[in-house]
Amino acid sequence: MNETLKTLLEHRTIRQYKPDPVPEDVLNTILEAGIKASTSGNMQVYSIIVTREPARKEVLHKLHFSQQMVLDAPVLLTFCADFNRFNTWCRLRDAKPGYDNFLSFFTAAIDALLAAQNCAVAAEAFGLGICYLGTTTYQAGKLVEFFNLPDGVVPVTTLVLGYPASDPGPTDRLPAEAAVHQETYVPWTEERINKVYAEKENLPGTFKLLEENQLENLAKIFTEKRYTLKDNLYFSEVLLNVLKNQGFMNNP
C-alpha cells in the first residue's frame, strides 16, 4: 500500500504525548507540507503560529480549557484565516482590496484548514501524533489578544503535535455510505440512519459513555453534554464578535 494512503487510513487521535522535542528539520518539513496545500486562487490567505515555549504553552493550556495535552506535547500549531498579509500587499501595489466580508473570512478559513490537514498528514508520516483543538474557535477572541493578531486575522484551529505516549487504536468513523452520495443527495430514512450508526452506537466506548453520563443514547451525549444549544449560541455570538472586531463583517 502507498505510504501516504497508509498514513491516512491509520489515523489515530492522540491525547497523550512524550516530552521528546520534535527535530527542527522534521517540523520544518511538516510546515512546508502545510504551505504546499491547495489554496483559493493561489492567495494562501492563512498563517501558522508555532508555539514551543513552556511559558506560552502554560497560557494556551488555560485558554484551551486546561487540556493536558497542550502542556505535554512539544509543539502547538495555531492556524489562522489571514487576509492581513494579502491586503497589505494589495495596498502597497496600489490595488484596493475588497476582503473585509464574511465570504473572505470563509475563504481564508478554508485555506487555513487545508494547510492544517496537510501538516497533520505530514506529521503522522513522521510517526508523530496529532489532535485538533476545537476550543480554538471558542476562544478566538482571547487567542487574538494572546497572539497579538491584527485586523484580518482570526484563529480557526490548532494542532497539538508530538510523539505519542500511548496508542489508543484507530479512531472510529461512520461507514463511507454515511458520507458519500452518488450523483445526488439521498434523503435519510430511519432505516438508513439505523444502519450507518449501528456500529458506532454499539461500541464498548459508547456504552461506557452512556453509563458515565446516565443517558439512554449517543445522540443525547452530543446534544445534552458535548455540543449543547446553549453553548452553540453563546460561542456563535463570541465568534461573530471576533469576526466583526477583526474586520470581516462588512456585509449588506
C-alpha atoms as a PDB file:
ATOM      1  CA  MET A   1       0.000   0.000   0.000  1.00  0.00           C
ATOM      2  CA  ASN A   2       1.182   3.518  -0.778  1.00  0.00           C
ATOM      3  CA  GLU A   3       2.725   5.068   2.370  1.00  0.00           C
ATOM      4  CA  THR A   4       0.689   8.278   2.149  1.00  0.00           C
ATOM      5  CA  LEU A   5      -2.532   6.299   1.831  1.00  0.00           C
ATOM      6  CA  LYS A   6      -1.458   4.066   4.717  1.00  0.00           C
ATOM      7  CA  THR A   7      -0.880   7.146   6.888  1.00  0.00           C
ATOM      8  CA  LEU A   8      -4.360   8.470   6.094  1.00  0.00           C
ATOM      9  CA  LEU A   9      -6.140   5.170   6.713  1.00  0.00           C
ATOM     10  CA  GLU A  10      -4.332   4.527  10.023  1.00  0.00           C
ATOM     11  CA  HIS A  11      -5.116   7.915  11.583  1.00  0.00           C
ATOM     12  CA  ARG A  12      -5.337   7.989  15.365  1.00  0.00           C
ATOM     13  CA  THR A  13      -6.304  10.860  17.636  1.00  0.00           C
ATOM     14  CA  ILE A  14      -3.509  11.240  20.187  1.00  0.00           C
ATOM     15  CA  ARG A  15      -4.121  12.945  23.528  1.00  0.00           C
ATOM     16  CA  GLN A  16      -1.070  11.702  25.479  1.00  0.00           C
ATOM     17  CA  TYR A  17       2.436  12.786  24.446  1.00  0.00           C
ATOM     18  CA  LYS A  18       6.060  12.138  25.294  1.00  0.00           C
ATOM     19  CA  PRO A  19       8.163  15.202  26.204  1.00  0.00           C
ATOM     20  CA  ASP A  20      10.634  14.429  23.384  1.00  0.00           C
ATOM     21  CA  PRO A  21      11.170  17.503  21.180  1.00  0.00           C
ATOM     22  CA  VAL A  22      10.291  17.422  17.501  1.00  0.00           C
ATOM     23  CA  PRO A  23      13.530  17.819  15.486  1.00  0.00           C
ATOM     24  CA  GLU A  24      13.786  21.161  13.719  1.00  0.00           C
ATOM     25  CA  ASP A  25      14.151  19.613  10.266  1.00  0.00           C
ATOM     26  CA  VAL A  26      11.081  17.439  10.827  1.00  0.00           C
ATOM     27  CA  LEU A  27       8.991  20.415  11.973  1.00  0.00           C
ATOM     28  CA  ASN A  28      10.175  22.495   9.029  1.00  0.00           C
ATOM     29  CA  THR A  29       9.181  19.732   6.602  1.00  0.00           C
ATOM     30  CA  ILE A  30       5.743  19.485   8.250  1.00  0.00           C
ATOM     31  CA  LEU A  31       5.275  23.239   7.889  1.00  0.00           C
ATOM     32  CA  GLU A  32       6.444  23.109   4.272  1.00  0.00           C
ATOM     33  CA  ALA A  33       3.828  20.419   3.613  1.00  0.00           C
ATOM     34  CA  GLY A  34       1.211  22.785   5.026  1.00  0.00           C
ATOM     35  CA  ILE A  35       2.394  25.604   2.778  1.00  0.00           C
ATOM     36  CA  LYS A  36       2.081  23.303  -0.256  1.00  0.00           C
ATOM     37  CA  ALA A  37      -1.625  22.712   0.432  1.00  0.00           C
ATOM     38  CA  SER A  38      -4.329  23.674  -2.046  1.00  0.00           C
ATOM     39  CA  THR A  39      -5.376  27.302  -1.695  1.00  0.00           C
ATOM     40  CA  SER A  40      -8.103  29.583  -3.068  1.00  0.00           C
ATOM     41  CA  GLY A  41      -6.817  31.471  -6.104  1.00  0.00           C
ATOM     42  CA  ASN A  42      -3.236  30.740  -5.002  1.00  0.00           C
ATOM     43  CA  MET A  43      -3.621  33.533  -2.419  1.00  0.00           C
ATOM     44  CA  GLN A  44      -2.505  31.476   0.621  1.00  0.00           C
ATOM     45  CA  VAL A  45      -4.625  33.578   2.963  1.00  0.00           C
ATOM     46  CA  TYR A  46      -3.606  31.858   6.202  1.00  0.00           C
ATOM     47  CA  SER A  47      -0.891  31.979   8.830  1.00  0.00           C
ATOM     48  CA  ILE A  48       0.601  29.270  11.046  1.00  0.00           C
ATOM     49  CA  ILE A  49       1.792  30.236  14.526  1.00  0.00           C
ATOM     50  CA  VAL A  50       4.271  27.812  16.122  1.00  0.00           C
ATOM     51  CA  THR A  51       4.307  27.618  19.931  1.00  0.00           C
ATOM     52  CA  ARG A  52       7.042  25.710  21.792  1.00  0.00           C
ATOM     53  CA  GLU A  53       7.988  27.929  24.742  1.00  0.00           C
ATOM     54  CA  PRO A  54       6.738  26.347  28.014  1.00  0.00           C
ATOM     55  CA  ALA A  55       5.580  29.669  29.465  1.00  0.00           C
ATOM     56  CA  ARG A  56       3.440  30.435  26.441  1.00  0.00           C
ATOM     57  CA  LYS A  57       2.077  26.896  26.413  1.00  0.00           C
ATOM     58  CA  GLU A  58       1.024  27.423  30.031  1.00  0.00           C
ATOM     59  CA  VAL A  59      -1.190  30.320  28.916  1.00  0.00           C
ATOM     60  CA  LEU A  60      -2.551  28.367  25.952  1.00  0.00           C
ATOM     61  CA  HIS A  61      -3.281  25.455  28.287  1.00  0.00           C
ATOM     62  CA  LYS A  62      -5.685  27.675  30.224  1.00  0.00           C
ATOM     63  CA  LEU A  63      -7.196  29.156  27.066  1.00  0.00           C
ATOM     64  CA  HIS A  64      -7.846  25.680  25.652  1.00  0.00           C
ATOM     65  CA  PHE A  65      -9.920  24.672  28.678  1.00  0.00           C
ATOM     66  CA  SER A  66      -6.950  23.133  30.550  1.00  0.00           C
ATOM     67  CA  GLN A  67      -6.496  20.176  28.219  1.00  0.00           C
ATOM     68  CA  GLN A  68      -3.364  18.399  29.484  1.00  0.00           C
ATOM     69  CA  MET A  69      -2.054  17.565  26.011  1.00  0.00           C
ATOM     70  CA  VAL A  70      -1.461  21.281  25.399  1.00  0.00           C
ATOM     71  CA  LEU A  71       1.210  21.167  28.106  1.00  0.00           C
ATOM     72  CA  ASP A  72       2.572  17.716  27.308  1.00  0.00           C
ATOM     73  CA  ALA A  73       3.011  17.977  23.535  1.00  0.00           C
ATOM     74  CA  PRO A  74       6.205  19.775  22.463  1.00  0.00           C
ATOM     75  CA  VAL A  75       4.592  21.758  19.622  1.00  0.00           C
ATOM     76  CA  LEU A  76       1.324  23.602  19.055  1.00  0.00           C
ATOM     77  CA  LEU A  77       0.410  24.939  15.626  1.00  0.00           C
ATOM     78  CA  THR A  78      -2.331  27.577  15.517  1.00  0.00           C
ATOM     79  CA  PHE A  79      -3.805  28.077  12.054  1.00  0.00           C
ATOM     80  CA  CYS A  80      -5.349  31.453  11.283  1.00  0.00           C
ATOM     81  CA  ALA A  81      -7.508  32.758   8.489  1.00  0.00           C
ATOM     82  CA  ASP A  82      -5.335  35.686   7.385  1.00  0.00           C
ATOM     83  CA  PHE A  83      -6.158  38.382   4.848  1.00  0.00           C
ATOM     84  CA  ASN A  84      -3.912  40.914   6.608  1.00  0.00           C
ATOM     85  CA  ARG A  85      -0.802  39.994   4.640  1.00  0.00           C
ATOM     86  CA  PHE A  86      -2.690  39.868   1.322  1.00  0.00           C
ATOM     87  CA  ASN A  87      -4.452  43.190   1.995  1.00  0.00           C
ATOM     88  CA  THR A  88      -1.135  44.856   2.850  1.00  0.00           C
ATOM     89  CA  TRP A  89       0.435  43.570  -0.358  1.00  0.00           C
ATOM     90  CA  CYS A  90      -2.519  44.814  -2.407  1.00  0.00           C
ATOM     91  CA  ARG A  91      -2.321  48.318  -0.899  1.00  0.00           C
ATOM     92  CA  LEU A  92       1.416  48.513  -1.464  1.00  0.00           C
ATOM     93  CA  ARG A  93       0.748  47.727  -5.146  1.00  0.00           C
ATOM     94  CA  ASP A  94      -1.984  50.380  -5.397  1.00  0.00           C
ATOM     95  CA  ALA A  95      -4.658  47.667  -5.643  1.00  0.00           C
ATOM     96  CA  LYS A  96      -7.752  48.255  -3.494  1.00  0.00           C
ATOM     97  CA  PRO A  97      -8.616  45.079  -1.509  1.00  0.00           C
ATOM     98  CA  GLY A  98     -12.263  44.100  -1.001  1.00  0.00           C
ATOM     99  CA  TYR A  99     -11.786  41.346   1.561  1.00  0.00           C
ATOM    100  CA  ASP A 100     -13.456  42.767   4.688  1.00  0.00           C
ATOM    101  CA  ASN A 101     -16.500  40.500   4.476  1.00  0.00           C
ATOM    102  CA  PHE A 102     -17.744  37.109   5.613  1.00  0.00           C
ATOM    103  CA  LEU A 103     -17.058  35.409   2.278  1.00  0.00           C
ATOM    104  CA  SER A 104     -13.395  36.409   2.562  1.00  0.00           C
ATOM    105  CA  PHE A 105     -13.199  35.016   6.097  1.00  0.00           C
ATOM    106  CA  PHE A 106     -14.752  31.768   4.901  1.00  0.00           C
ATOM    107  CA  THR A 107     -12.257  31.590   2.012  1.00  0.00           C
ATOM    108  CA  ALA A 108      -9.337  32.175   4.370  1.00  0.00           C
ATOM    109  CA  ALA A 109     -10.676  29.676   6.908  1.00  0.00           C
ATOM    110  CA  ILE A 110     -10.816  27.007   4.191  1.00  0.00           C
ATOM    111  CA  ASP A 111      -7.221  27.810   3.228  1.00  0.00           C
ATOM    112  CA  ALA A 112      -6.125  27.523   6.861  1.00  0.00           C
ATOM    113  CA  LEU A 113      -7.861  24.176   7.349  1.00  0.00           C
ATOM    114  CA  LEU A 114      -6.384  22.748   4.152  1.00  0.00           C
ATOM    115  CA  ALA A 115      -2.919  23.740   5.370  1.00  0.00           C
ATOM    116  CA  ALA A 116      -3.662  22.237   8.782  1.00  0.00           C
ATOM    117  CA  GLN A 117      -4.660  18.882   7.316  1.00  0.00           C
ATOM    118  CA  ASN A 118      -1.527  18.763   5.169  1.00  0.00           C
ATOM    119  CA  CYS A 119       0.524  19.374   8.315  1.00  0.00           C
ATOM    120  CA  ALA A 120      -1.403  16.668  10.149  1.00  0.00           C
ATOM    121  CA  VAL A 121      -0.764  14.055   7.451  1.00  0.00           C
ATOM    122  CA  ALA A 122       2.914  15.025   7.202  1.00  0.00           C
ATOM    123  CA  ALA A 123       3.307  14.790  10.983  1.00  0.00           C
ATOM    124  CA  GLU A 124       1.769  11.320  11.069  1.00  0.00           C
ATOM    125  CA  ALA A 125       4.065  10.242   8.220  1.00  0.00           C
ATOM    126  CA  PHE A 126       6.991  11.049  10.552  1.00  0.00           C
ATOM    127  CA  GLY A 127       5.479   8.898  13.312  1.00  0.00           C
ATOM    128  CA  LEU A 128       4.146  11.866  15.266  1.00  0.00           C
ATOM    129  CA  GLY A 129       0.675  12.084  16.758  1.00  0.00           C
ATOM    130  CA  ILE A 130      -1.789  14.940  16.332  1.00  0.00           C
ATOM    131  CA  CYS A 131      -5.028  16.218  17.782  1.00  0.00           C
ATOM    132  CA  TYR A 132      -7.177  19.100  16.583  1.00  0.00           C
ATOM    133  CA  LEU A 133      -8.425  21.557  19.219  1.00  0.00           C
ATOM    134  CA  GLY A 134     -11.979  22.723  18.621  1.00  0.00           C
ATOM    135  CA  THR A 135     -11.541  25.145  21.510  1.00  0.00           C
ATOM    136  CA  THR A 136      -9.709  27.466  19.102  1.00  0.00           C
ATOM    137  CA  THR A 137     -12.925  28.975  17.741  1.00  0.00           C
ATOM    138  CA  TYR A 138     -14.498  29.040  21.214  1.00  0.00           C
ATOM    139  CA  GLN A 139     -11.604  31.154  22.467  1.00  0.00           C
ATOM    140  CA  ALA A 140     -10.901  33.062  19.266  1.00  0.00           C
ATOM    141  CA  GLY A 141     -11.124  36.494  20.910  1.00  0.00           C
ATOM    142  CA  LYS A 142      -8.680  35.610  23.687  1.00  0.00           C
ATOM    143  CA  LEU A 143      -6.330  33.993  21.190  1.00  0.00           C
ATOM    144  CA  VAL A 144      -6.420  37.167  19.094  1.00  0.00           C
ATOM    145  CA  GLU A 145      -5.148  39.019  22.170  1.00  0.00           C
ATOM    146  CA  PHE A 146      -2.597  36.354  23.105  1.00  0.00           C
ATOM    147  CA  PHE A 147      -1.043  36.240  19.639  1.00  0.00           C
ATOM    148  CA  ASN A 148      -1.476  39.997  19.047  1.00  0.00           C
ATOM    149  CA  LEU A 149      -3.323  39.336  15.807  1.00  0.00           C
ATOM    150  CA  PRO A 150      -4.007  42.381  13.602  1.00  0.00           C
ATOM    151  CA  ASP A 151      -7.145  43.150  11.579  1.00  0.00           C
ATOM    152  CA  GLY A 152      -7.957  40.472   9.027  1.00  0.00           C
ATOM    153  CA  VAL A 153      -6.574  37.590  11.108  1.00  0.00           C
ATOM    154  CA  VAL A 154      -8.726  35.073  13.040  1.00  0.00           C
ATOM    155  CA  PRO A 155      -7.591  31.743  14.581  1.00  0.00           C
ATOM    156  CA  VAL A 156      -9.628  28.805  13.252  1.00  0.00           C
ATOM    157  CA  THR A 157      -7.946  25.633  14.526  1.00  0.00           C
ATOM    158  CA  THR A 158      -4.971  24.324  16.498  1.00  0.00           C
ATOM    159  CA  LEU A 159      -2.913  21.158  16.051  1.00  0.00           C
ATOM    160  CA  VAL A 160      -1.267  19.559  19.059  1.00  0.00           C
ATOM    161  CA  LEU A 161       1.779  17.730  17.771  1.00  0.00           C
ATOM    162  CA  GLY A 162       4.336  15.332  19.280  1.00  0.00           C
ATOM    163  CA  TYR A 163       5.415  11.741  19.799  1.00  0.00           C
ATOM    164  CA  PRO A 164       2.577   9.541  21.131  1.00  0.00           C
ATOM    165  CA  ALA A 165       2.849   8.275  24.704  1.00  0.00           C
ATOM    166  CA  SER A 166       0.055   5.765  24.075  1.00  0.00           C
ATOM    167  CA  ASP A 167      -1.691   4.042  21.188  1.00  0.00           C
ATOM    168  CA  PRO A 168      -5.454   4.423  21.536  1.00  0.00           C
ATOM    169  CA  GLY A 169      -6.118   2.475  18.342  1.00  0.00           C
ATOM    170  CA  PRO A 170      -7.789   3.751  15.185  1.00  0.00           C
ATOM    171  CA  THR A 171     -10.389   6.467  15.573  1.00  0.00           C
ATOM    172  CA  ASP A 172     -13.872   5.131  14.895  1.00  0.00           C
ATOM    173  CA  ARG A 173     -15.669   6.567  11.893  1.00  0.00           C
ATOM    174  CA  LEU A 174     -19.051   6.095  10.251  1.00  0.00           C
ATOM    175  CA  PRO A 175     -19.003   3.874   7.140  1.00  0.00           C
ATOM    176  CA  ALA A 176     -18.463   5.535   3.758  1.00  0.00           C
ATOM    177  CA  GLU A 177     -22.153   5.262   2.886  1.00  0.00           C
ATOM    178  CA  ALA A 178     -22.888   7.735   5.692  1.00  0.00           C
ATOM    179  CA  ALA A 179     -20.977  10.498   3.916  1.00  0.00           C
ATOM    180  CA  VAL A 180     -20.827   9.558   0.236  1.00  0.00           C
ATOM    181  CA  HIS A 181     -23.745  10.227  -2.123  1.00  0.00           C
ATOM    182  CA  GLN A 182     -23.676   9.230  -5.789  1.00  0.00           C
ATOM    183  CA  GLU A 183     -24.813  11.938  -8.215  1.00  0.00           C
ATOM    184  CA  THR A 184     -27.482  13.402  -5.907  1.00  0.00           C
ATOM    185  CA  TYR A 185     -28.161  13.651  -2.174  1.00  0.00           C
ATOM    186  CA  VAL A 186     -30.093  10.658  -0.841  1.00  0.00           C
ATOM    187  CA  PRO A 187     -32.624  11.542   1.914  1.00  0.00           C
ATOM    188  CA  TRP A 188     -32.133   9.897   5.294  1.00  0.00           C
ATOM    189  CA  THR A 189     -34.772   7.381   6.324  1.00  0.00           C
ATOM    190  CA  GLU A 190     -34.969   5.832   9.770  1.00  0.00           C
ATOM    191  CA  GLU A 191     -33.762   2.549   8.270  1.00  0.00           C
ATOM    192  CA  ARG A 192     -30.680   4.123   6.715  1.00  0.00           C
ATOM    193  CA  ILE A 193     -29.876   6.099   9.880  1.00  0.00           C
ATOM    194  CA  ASN A 194     -30.099   2.941  11.991  1.00  0.00           C
ATOM    195  CA  LYS A 195     -27.800   1.134   9.567  1.00  0.00           C
ATOM    196  CA  VAL A 196     -24.975   3.696   9.368  1.00  0.00           C
ATOM    197  CA  TYR A 197     -24.975   4.463  13.121  1.00  0.00           C
ATOM    198  CA  ALA A 198     -25.317   0.850  14.307  1.00  0.00           C
ATOM    199  CA  GLU A 199     -21.616   0.145  14.763  1.00  0.00           C
ATOM    200  CA  LYS A 200     -20.851   3.465  16.496  1.00  0.00           C
ATOM    201  CA  GLU A 201     -23.812   3.094  18.847  1.00  0.00           C
ATOM    202  CA  ASN A 202     -22.687  -0.386  19.873  1.00  0.00           C
ATOM    203  CA  LEU A 203     -19.006   0.249  20.561  1.00  0.00           C
ATOM    204  CA  PRO A 204     -17.806  -0.602  24.093  1.00  0.00           C
ATOM    205  CA  GLY A 205     -16.731   3.022  24.486  1.00  0.00           C
ATOM    206  CA  THR A 206     -20.253   4.176  23.697  1.00  0.00           C
ATOM    207  CA  PHE A 207     -21.765   2.019  26.430  1.00  0.00           C
ATOM    208  CA  LYS A 208     -19.179   3.386  28.854  1.00  0.00           C
ATOM    209  CA  LEU A 209     -20.096   6.955  27.917  1.00  0.00           C
ATOM    210  CA  LEU A 210     -23.795   6.269  28.393  1.00  0.00           C
ATOM    211  CA  GLU A 211     -23.169   4.778  31.806  1.00  0.00           C
ATOM    212  CA  GLU A 212     -20.948   7.676  32.903  1.00  0.00           C
ATOM    213  CA  ASN A 213     -23.445  10.297  31.746  1.00  0.00           C
ATOM    214  CA  GLN A 214     -26.589   8.352  32.683  1.00  0.00           C
ATOM    215  CA  LEU A 215     -28.139   8.926  29.268  1.00  0.00           C
ATOM    216  CA  GLU A 216     -30.016   6.475  27.066  1.00  0.00           C
ATOM    217  CA  ASN A 217     -28.390   7.066  23.699  1.00  0.00           C
ATOM    218  CA  LEU A 218     -25.322   8.500  21.979  1.00  0.00           C
ATOM    219  CA  ALA A 219     -27.165  11.336  20.252  1.00  0.00           C
ATOM    220  CA  LYS A 220     -28.006  12.801  23.664  1.00  0.00           C
ATOM    221  CA  ILE A 221     -24.308  12.767  24.601  1.00  0.00           C
ATOM    222  CA  PHE A 222     -23.832  15.282  21.795  1.00  0.00           C
ATOM    223  CA  THR A 223     -26.962  17.387  22.308  1.00  0.00           C
ATOM    224  CA  GLU A 224     -27.003  17.449  26.119  1.00  0.00           C
ATOM    225  CA  LYS A 225     -23.310  17.175  27.082  1.00  0.00           C
ATOM    226  CA  ARG A 226     -20.839  17.954  24.307  1.00  0.00           C
ATOM    227  CA  TYR A 227     -22.392  20.491  21.947  1.00  0.00           C
ATOM    228  CA  THR A 228     -25.484  21.934  23.570  1.00  0.00           C
ATOM    229  CA  LEU A 229     -27.765  24.544  22.021  1.00  0.00           C
ATOM    230  CA  LYS A 230     -26.870  26.968  24.822  1.00  0.00           C
ATOM    231  CA  ASP A 231     -23.128  26.633  24.186  1.00  0.00           C
ATOM    232  CA  ASN A 232     -23.543  26.769  20.407  1.00  0.00           C
ATOM    233  CA  LEU A 233     -25.483  30.037  20.625  1.00  0.00           C
ATOM    234  CA  TYR A 234     -23.010  31.560  23.081  1.00  0.00           C
ATOM    235  CA  PHE A 235     -19.873  30.652  21.136  1.00  0.00           C
ATOM    236  CA  SER A 236     -21.544  31.653  17.864  1.00  0.00           C
ATOM    237  CA  GLU A 237     -22.005  35.135  19.309  1.00  0.00           C
ATOM    238  CA  VAL A 238     -18.396  35.153  20.529  1.00  0.00           C
ATOM    239  CA  LEU A 239     -17.047  34.182  17.104  1.00  0.00           C
ATOM    240  CA  LEU A 240     -19.267  36.651  15.229  1.00  0.00           C
ATOM    241  CA  ASN A 241     -17.995  39.439  17.505  1.00  0.00           C
ATOM    242  CA  VAL A 242     -14.410  38.381  16.772  1.00  0.00           C
ATOM    243  CA  LEU A 243     -15.107  38.472  13.027  1.00  0.00           C
ATOM    244  CA  LYS A 244     -16.586  41.953  13.412  1.00  0.00           C
ATOM    245  CA  ASN A 245     -13.657  43.197  15.502  1.00  0.00           C
ATOM    246  CA  GLN A 246     -11.128  41.704  13.069  1.00  0.00           C
ATOM    247  CA  GLY A 247     -12.766  43.379  10.078  1.00  0.00           C
ATOM    248  CA  PHE A 248     -14.679  40.575   8.369  1.00  0.00           C
ATOM    249  CA  MET A 249     -18.275  41.761   8.712  1.00  0.00           C
ATOM    250  CA  ASN A 250     -18.658  44.462   6.056  1.00  0.00           C
ATOM    251  CA  ASN A 251     -21.727  42.750   4.624  1.00  0.00           C
ATOM    252  CA  PRO A 252     -25.005  44.079   3.144  1.00  0.00           C
END
